PDB file of N, CA and C in Angstrom:
ATOM      1  N   MET A   1      58.743  10.000 109.130  1.00  0.00           N
ATOM      2  CA  MET A   1      59.613   8.896 109.476  1.00  0.00           C
ATOM      3  C   MET A   1      59.107   7.615 108.815  1.00  0.00           C
ATOM      4  N   ARG A   2      59.991   6.855 108.222  1.00  0.00           N
ATOM      5  CA  ARG A   2      59.613   5.616 107.545  1.00  0.00           C
ATOM      6  C   ARG A   2      59.241   4.537 108.540  1.00  0.00           C
ATOM      7  N   GLN A   3      58.328   3.689 108.107  1.00  0.00           N
ATOM      8  CA  GLN A   3      58.019   2.517 108.913  1.00  0.00           C
ATOM      9  C   GLN A   3      59.159   1.536 108.781  1.00  0.00           C
ATOM     10  N   LYS A   4      59.563   0.954 109.860  1.00  0.00           N
ATOM     11  CA  LYS A   4      60.705   0.046 109.839  1.00  0.00           C
ATOM     12  C   LYS A   4      60.444  -1.183 108.972  1.00  0.00           C
ATOM     13  N   SER A   5      59.203  -1.657 108.921  1.00  0.00           N
ATOM     14  CA  SER A   5      58.911  -2.873 108.171  1.00  0.00           C
ATOM     15  C   SER A   5      59.058  -2.681 106.662  1.00  0.00           C
ATOM     16  N   MET A   6      58.935  -1.458 106.164  1.00  0.00           N
ATOM     17  CA  MET A   6      59.035  -1.228 104.735  1.00  0.00           C
ATOM     18  C   MET A   6      60.363  -0.582 104.345  1.00  0.00           C
ATOM     19  N   SER A   7      61.271  -0.451 105.261  1.00  0.00           N
ATOM     20  CA  SER A   7      62.562   0.150 104.948  1.00  0.00           C
ATOM     21  C   SER A   7      63.349  -0.799 104.059  1.00  0.00           C
ATOM     22  N   TYR A   8      63.669  -0.357 102.853  1.00  0.00           N
ATOM     23  CA  TYR A   8      64.338  -1.203 101.878  1.00  0.00           C
ATOM     24  C   TYR A   8      65.701  -1.662 102.365  1.00  0.00           C
ATOM     25  N   GLY A   9      66.374  -0.830 103.128  1.00  0.00           N
ATOM     26  CA  GLY A   9      67.695  -1.183 103.643  1.00  0.00           C
ATOM     27  C   GLY A   9      67.664  -2.337 104.623  1.00  0.00           C
ATOM     28  N   VAL A  10      66.552  -2.508 105.332  1.00  0.00           N
ATOM     29  CA  VAL A  10      66.429  -3.602 106.293  1.00  0.00           C
ATOM     30  C   VAL A  10      66.256  -4.938 105.582  1.00  0.00           C
ATOM     31  N   TRP A  11      65.438  -4.972 104.536  1.00  0.00           N
ATOM     32  CA  TRP A  11      65.088  -6.226 103.881  1.00  0.00           C
ATOM     33  C   TRP A  11      65.941  -6.533 102.661  1.00  0.00           C
ATOM     34  N   ARG A  12      66.531  -5.545 102.029  1.00  0.00           N
ATOM     35  CA  ARG A  12      67.244  -5.689 100.757  1.00  0.00           C
ATOM     36  C   ARG A  12      66.304  -6.284  99.708  1.00  0.00           C
ATOM     37  N   ASP A  13      66.708  -7.304  98.975  1.00  0.00           N
ATOM     38  CA  ASP A  13      65.864  -7.887  97.936  1.00  0.00           C
ATOM     39  C   ASP A  13      65.172  -9.159  98.399  1.00  0.00           C
ATOM     40  N   SER A  14      64.918  -9.264  99.651  1.00  0.00           N
ATOM     41  CA  SER A  14      64.322 -10.502 100.144  1.00  0.00           C
ATOM     42  C   SER A  14      62.892 -10.671  99.637  1.00  0.00           C
ATOM     43  N   LYS A  15      62.491 -11.895  99.539  1.00  0.00           N
ATOM     44  CA  LYS A  15      61.147 -12.219  99.070  1.00  0.00           C
ATOM     45  C   LYS A  15      60.082 -11.657 100.021  1.00  0.00           C
ATOM     46  N   THR A  16      60.415 -11.605 101.301  1.00  0.00           N
ATOM     47  CA  THR A  16      59.477 -11.078 102.287  1.00  0.00           C
ATOM     48  C   THR A  16      59.189  -9.603 102.041  1.00  0.00           C
ATOM     49  N   TRP A  17      60.231  -8.818 101.741  1.00  0.00           N
ATOM     50  CA  TRP A  17      60.029  -7.389 101.496  1.00  0.00           C
ATOM     51  C   TRP A  17      59.140  -7.185 100.277  1.00  0.00           C
ATOM     52  N   TRP A  18      59.397  -7.941  99.209  1.00  0.00           N
ATOM     53  CA  TRP A  18      58.600  -7.775  97.994  1.00  0.00           C
ATOM     54  C   TRP A  18      57.173  -8.266  98.186  1.00  0.00           C
ATOM     55  N   LYS A  19      56.976  -9.253  99.038  1.00  0.00           N
ATOM     56  CA  LYS A  19      55.621  -9.718  99.346  1.00  0.00           C
ATOM     57  C   LYS A  19      54.832  -8.598 100.032  1.00  0.00           C
ATOM     58  N   LEU A  20      55.441  -7.949 101.000  1.00  0.00           N
ATOM     59  CA  LEU A  20      54.793  -6.822 101.681  1.00  0.00           C
ATOM     60  C   LEU A  20      54.575  -5.660 100.715  1.00  0.00           C
ATOM     61  N   ALA A  21      55.569  -5.385  99.885  1.00  0.00           N
ATOM     62  CA  ALA A  21      55.458  -4.289  98.928  1.00  0.00           C
ATOM     63  C   ALA A  21      54.332  -4.552  97.924  1.00  0.00           C
ATOM     64  N   LEU A  22      54.200  -5.788  97.457  1.00  0.00           N
ATOM     65  CA  LEU A  22      53.130  -6.132  96.515  1.00  0.00           C
ATOM     66  C   LEU A  22      51.764  -5.905  97.153  1.00  0.00           C
ATOM     67  N   SER A  23      51.586  -6.344  98.380  1.00  0.00           N
ATOM     68  CA  SER A  23      50.278  -6.173  99.023  1.00  0.00           C
ATOM     69  C   SER A  23      49.961  -4.697  99.258  1.00  0.00           C
ATOM     70  N   ARG A  24      50.961  -3.896  99.606  1.00  0.00           N
ATOM     71  CA  ARG A  24      50.726  -2.456  99.799  1.00  0.00           C
ATOM     72  C   ARG A  24      50.485  -1.750  98.474  1.00  0.00           C
ATOM     73  N   TYR A  25      51.187  -2.164  97.436  1.00  0.00           N
ATOM     74  CA  TYR A  25      50.975  -1.601  96.104  1.00  0.00           C
ATOM     75  C   TYR A  25      49.547  -1.888  95.632  1.00  0.00           C
ATOM     76  N   MET A  26      49.115  -3.136  95.771  1.00  0.00           N
ATOM     77  CA  MET A  26      47.767  -3.502  95.340  1.00  0.00           C
ATOM     78  C   MET A  26      46.711  -2.751  96.147  1.00  0.00           C
ATOM     79  N   ALA A  27      46.940  -2.584  97.441  1.00  0.00           N
ATOM     80  CA  ALA A  27      45.984  -1.857  98.285  1.00  0.00           C
ATOM     81  C   ALA A  27      45.886  -0.390  97.871  1.00  0.00           C
ATOM     82  N   LYS A  28      46.985   0.167  97.432  1.00  0.00           N
ATOM     83  CA  LYS A  28      47.015   1.578  97.052  1.00  0.00           C
ATOM     84  C   LYS A  28      46.498   1.814  95.638  1.00  0.00           C
ATOM     85  N   LYS A  29      46.918   0.994  94.680  1.00  0.00           N
ATOM     86  CA  LYS A  29      46.577   1.216  93.272  1.00  0.00           C
ATOM     87  C   LYS A  29      45.357   0.431  92.785  1.00  0.00           C
ATOM     88  N   HIS A  30      45.149  -0.771  93.302  1.00  0.00           N
ATOM     89  CA  HIS A  30      44.069  -1.642  92.826  1.00  0.00           C
ATOM     90  C   HIS A  30      43.363  -2.328  93.990  1.00  0.00           C
ATOM     91  N   PRO A  31      42.734  -1.568  94.882  1.00  0.00           N
ATOM     92  CA  PRO A  31      42.117  -2.201  96.066  1.00  0.00           C
ATOM     93  C   PRO A  31      41.002  -3.193  95.715  1.00  0.00           C
ATOM     94  N   GLU A  32      40.357  -2.992  94.558  1.00  0.00           N
ATOM     95  CA  GLU A  32      39.283  -3.907  94.150  1.00  0.00           C
ATOM     96  C   GLU A  32      39.810  -5.295  93.806  1.00  0.00           C
ATOM     97  N   LYS A  33      41.095  -5.412  93.502  1.00  0.00           N
ATOM     98  CA  LYS A  33      41.681  -6.701  93.129  1.00  0.00           C
ATOM     99  C   LYS A  33      42.221  -7.477  94.327  1.00  0.00           C
ATOM    100  N   LEU A  34      42.165  -6.910  95.512  1.00  0.00           N
ATOM    101  CA  LEU A  34      42.640  -7.621  96.700  1.00  0.00           C
ATOM    102  C   LEU A  34      41.782  -8.842  97.020  1.00  0.00           C
ATOM    103  N   ILE A  35      40.548  -8.851  96.535  1.00  0.00           N
ATOM    104  CA  ILE A  35      39.687 -10.014  96.779  1.00  0.00           C
ATOM    105  C   ILE A  35      40.213 -11.261  96.060  1.00  0.00           C
ATOM    106  N   PHE A  36      41.088 -11.065  95.061  1.00  0.00           N
ATOM    107  CA  PHE A  36      41.675 -12.194  94.335  1.00  0.00           C
ATOM    108  C   PHE A  36      42.937 -12.724  94.995  1.00  0.00           C
ATOM    109  N   ASN A  37      43.292 -12.178  96.149  1.00  0.00           N
ATOM    110  CA  ASN A  37      44.379 -12.689  96.980  1.00  0.00           C
ATOM    111  C   ASN A  37      45.696 -12.852  96.203  1.00  0.00           C
ATOM    112  N   PRO A  38      46.338 -11.738  95.819  1.00  0.00           N
ATOM    113  CA  PRO A  38      47.602 -11.846  95.073  1.00  0.00           C
ATOM    114  C   PRO A  38      48.692 -12.533  95.887  1.00  0.00           C
ATOM    115  N   ARG A  39      49.394 -13.479  95.260  1.00  0.00           N
ATOM    116  CA  ARG A  39      50.462 -14.251  95.920  1.00  0.00           C
ATOM    117  C   ARG A  39      51.755 -14.117  95.142  1.00  0.00           C
ATOM    118  N   LEU A  40      52.812 -13.789  95.841  1.00  0.00           N
ATOM    119  CA  LEU A  40      54.123 -13.668  95.234  1.00  0.00           C
ATOM    120  C   LEU A  40      54.651 -15.053  94.866  1.00  0.00           C
ATOM    121  N   ILE A  41      55.158 -15.194  93.654  1.00  0.00           N
ATOM    122  CA  ILE A  41      55.698 -16.468  93.182  1.00  0.00           C
ATOM    123  C   ILE A  41      57.219 -16.420  93.102  1.00  0.00           C
ATOM    124  N   ASP A  42      57.726 -15.362  92.456  1.00  0.00           N
ATOM    125  CA  ASP A  42      59.160 -15.305  92.214  1.00  0.00           C
ATOM    126  C   ASP A  42      59.626 -13.857  92.163  1.00  0.00           C
ATOM    127  N   VAL A  43      60.862 -13.639  92.548  1.00  0.00           N
ATOM    128  CA  VAL A  43      61.478 -12.313  92.478  1.00  0.00           C
ATOM    129  C   VAL A  43      62.718 -12.434  91.602  1.00  0.00           C
ATOM    130  N   SER A  44      62.746 -11.678  90.499  1.00  0.00           N
ATOM    131  CA  SER A  44      63.931 -11.663  89.637  1.00  0.00           C
ATOM    132  C   SER A  44      64.629 -10.316  89.801  1.00  0.00           C
ATOM    133  N   GLU A  45      65.602 -10.069  88.965  1.00  0.00           N
ATOM    134  CA  GLU A  45      66.397  -8.849  89.109  1.00  0.00           C
ATOM    135  C   GLU A  45      65.572  -7.578  88.908  1.00  0.00           C
ATOM    136  N   HIS A  46      64.665  -7.572  87.924  1.00  0.00           N
ATOM    137  CA  HIS A  46      63.917  -6.359  87.603  1.00  0.00           C
ATOM    138  C   HIS A  46      62.405  -6.493  87.770  1.00  0.00           C
ATOM    139  N   HIS A  47      61.904  -7.699  87.955  1.00  0.00           N
ATOM    140  CA  HIS A  47      60.460  -7.920  88.016  1.00  0.00           C
ATOM    141  C   HIS A  47      60.103  -8.846  89.168  1.00  0.00           C
ATOM    142  N   ILE A  48      58.824  -8.787  89.532  1.00  0.00           N
ATOM    143  CA  ILE A  48      58.285  -9.809  90.423  1.00  0.00           C
ATOM    144  C   ILE A  48      57.186 -10.529  89.650  1.00  0.00           C
ATOM    145  N   ARG A  49      56.999 -11.775  89.970  1.00  0.00           N
ATOM    146  CA  ARG A  49      55.974 -12.592  89.327  1.00  0.00           C
ATOM    147  C   ARG A  49      55.005 -13.003  90.418  1.00  0.00           C
ATOM    148  N   PHE A  50      53.717 -12.847  90.143  1.00  0.00           N
ATOM    149  CA  PHE A  50      52.708 -13.201  91.137  1.00  0.00           C
ATOM    150  C   PHE A  50      51.481 -13.779  90.463  1.00  0.00           C
ATOM    151  N   GLY A  51      50.668 -14.418  91.248  1.00  0.00           N
ATOM    152  CA  GLY A  51      49.426 -14.993  90.753  1.00  0.00           C
ATOM    153  C   GLY A  51      48.263 -14.514  91.594  1.00  0.00           C
ATOM    154  N   MET A  52      47.069 -14.650  91.033  1.00  0.00           N
ATOM    155  CA  MET A  52      45.861 -14.264  91.761  1.00  0.00           C
ATOM    156  C   MET A  52      44.810 -15.353  91.564  1.00  0.00           C
ATOM    157  N   ARG A  53      44.007 -15.544  92.586  1.00  0.00           N
ATOM    158  CA  ARG A  53      42.932 -16.526  92.519  1.00  0.00           C
ATOM    159  C   ARG A  53      42.002 -16.172  91.358  1.00  0.00           C
ATOM    160  N   LYS A  54      41.511 -17.173  90.674  1.00  0.00           N
ATOM    161  CA  LYS A  54      40.628 -17.046  89.510  1.00  0.00           C
ATOM    162  C   LYS A  54      41.332 -16.438  88.299  1.00  0.00           C
ATOM    163  N   HIS A  55      42.647 -16.357  88.341  1.00  0.00           N
ATOM    164  CA  HIS A  55      43.423 -15.893  87.188  1.00  0.00           C
ATOM    165  C   HIS A  55      44.368 -17.039  86.853  1.00  0.00           C
ATOM    166  N   TYR A  56      44.165 -17.675  85.734  1.00  0.00           N
ATOM    167  CA  TYR A  56      44.884 -18.915  85.423  1.00  0.00           C
ATOM    168  C   TYR A  56      46.208 -18.647  84.720  1.00  0.00           C
ATOM    169  N   GLY A  57      47.054 -17.902  85.357  1.00  0.00           N
ATOM    170  CA  GLY A  57      48.357 -17.600  84.807  1.00  0.00           C
ATOM    171  C   GLY A  57      49.148 -16.797  85.821  1.00  0.00           C
ATOM    172  N   THR A  58      50.239 -16.255  85.366  1.00  0.00           N
ATOM    173  CA  THR A  58      51.046 -15.430  86.251  1.00  0.00           C
ATOM    174  C   THR A  58      51.121 -14.017  85.691  1.00  0.00           C
ATOM    175  N   LEU A  59      51.302 -13.081  86.565  1.00  0.00           N
ATOM    176  CA  LEU A  59      51.412 -11.680  86.191  1.00  0.00           C
ATOM    177  C   LEU A  59      52.799 -11.194  86.571  1.00  0.00           C
ATOM    178  N   HIS A  60      53.318 -10.270  85.783  1.00  0.00           N
ATOM    179  CA  HIS A  60      54.642  -9.695  86.035  1.00  0.00           C
ATOM    180  C   HIS A  60      54.470  -8.217  86.332  1.00  0.00           C
ATOM    181  N   LEU A  61      55.247  -7.728  87.276  1.00  0.00           N
ATOM    182  CA  LEU A  61      55.216  -6.323  87.627  1.00  0.00           C
ATOM    183  C   LEU A  61      56.645  -5.857  87.858  1.00  0.00           C
ATOM    184  N   SER A  62      56.968  -4.709  87.326  1.00  0.00           N
ATOM    185  CA  SER A  62      58.309  -4.168  87.470  1.00  0.00           C
ATOM    186  C   SER A  62      58.550  -3.712  88.908  1.00  0.00           C
ATOM    187  N   LYS A  63      59.722  -4.011  89.436  1.00  0.00           N
ATOM    188  CA  LYS A  63      60.083  -3.547  90.776  1.00  0.00           C
ATOM    189  C   LYS A  63      60.099  -2.027  90.820  1.00  0.00           C
ATOM    190  N   LYS A  64      60.526  -1.405  89.711  1.00  0.00           N
ATOM    191  CA  LYS A  64      60.612   0.048  89.635  1.00  0.00           C
ATOM    192  C   LYS A  64      59.241   0.695  89.823  1.00  0.00           C
ATOM    193  N   VAL A  65      58.208   0.100  89.249  1.00  0.00           N
ATOM    194  CA  VAL A  65      56.851   0.628  89.375  1.00  0.00           C
ATOM    195  C   VAL A  65      56.402   0.593  90.832  1.00  0.00           C
ATOM    196  N   ILE A  66      56.648  -0.501  91.505  1.00  0.00           N
ATOM    197  CA  ILE A  66      56.248  -0.628  92.908  1.00  0.00           C
ATOM    198  C   ILE A  66      56.959   0.424  93.760  1.00  0.00           C
ATOM    199  N   ILE A  67      58.257   0.579  93.548  1.00  0.00           N
ATOM    200  CA  ILE A  67      59.021   1.537  94.345  1.00  0.00           C
ATOM    201  C   ILE A  67      58.573   2.970  94.046  1.00  0.00           C
ATOM    202  N   GLU A  68      58.265   3.277  92.784  1.00  0.00           N
ATOM    203  CA  GLU A  68      57.797   4.620  92.431  1.00  0.00           C
ATOM    204  C   GLU A  68      56.474   4.949  93.110  1.00  0.00           C
ATOM    205  N   VAL A  69      55.608   3.971  93.257  1.00  0.00           N
ATOM    206  CA  VAL A  69      54.316   4.211  93.889  1.00  0.00           C
ATOM    207  C   VAL A  69      54.448   4.295  95.412  1.00  0.00           C
ATOM    208  N   LEU A  70      55.182   3.373  95.996  1.00  0.00           N
ATOM    209  CA  LEU A  70      55.275   3.326  97.461  1.00  0.00           C
ATOM    210  C   LEU A  70      56.281   4.311  98.048  1.00  0.00           C
ATOM    211  N   HIS A  71      57.362   4.570  97.325  1.00  0.00           N
ATOM    212  CA  HIS A  71      58.437   5.426  97.842  1.00  0.00           C
ATOM    213  C   HIS A  71      58.945   6.361  96.748  1.00  0.00           C
ATOM    214  N   PRO A  72      58.149   7.352  96.348  1.00  0.00           N
ATOM    215  CA  PRO A  72      58.600   8.249  95.277  1.00  0.00           C
ATOM    216  C   PRO A  72      59.862   9.038  95.644  1.00  0.00           C
ATOM    217  N   GLU A  73      60.130   9.212  96.917  1.00  0.00           N
ATOM    218  CA  GLU A  73      61.314   9.966  97.338  1.00  0.00           C
ATOM    219  C   GLU A  73      62.605   9.209  97.088  1.00  0.00           C
ATOM    220  N   TRP A  74      62.539   7.908  96.793  1.00  0.00           N
ATOM    221  CA  TRP A  74      63.744   7.115  96.547  1.00  0.00           C
ATOM    222  C   TRP A  74      64.279   7.315  95.136  1.00  0.00           C
ATOM    223  N   ASN A  75      63.497   7.921  94.251  1.00  0.00           N
ATOM    224  CA  ASN A  75      63.939   8.104  92.852  1.00  0.00           C
ATOM    225  C   ASN A  75      64.716   9.377  92.687  1.00  0.00           C
TER     226      ASN A  75
END
């Protein structure tokens, strides 16, 4: 059974859902980078943009990649 907080149908494309998804993605794929405190900046149609402490720029990540890692059954 899915957790209600991560159900895509509940949040749609809201910034809050992608913020939670980013933190869960980082915890699953790159737990060593959580110390840099990733922060969501912007959500576009196909990508999210985020920043991390001690990283003087922004990083882009595809929404598709996050969904494939967190919810492979949705593909």
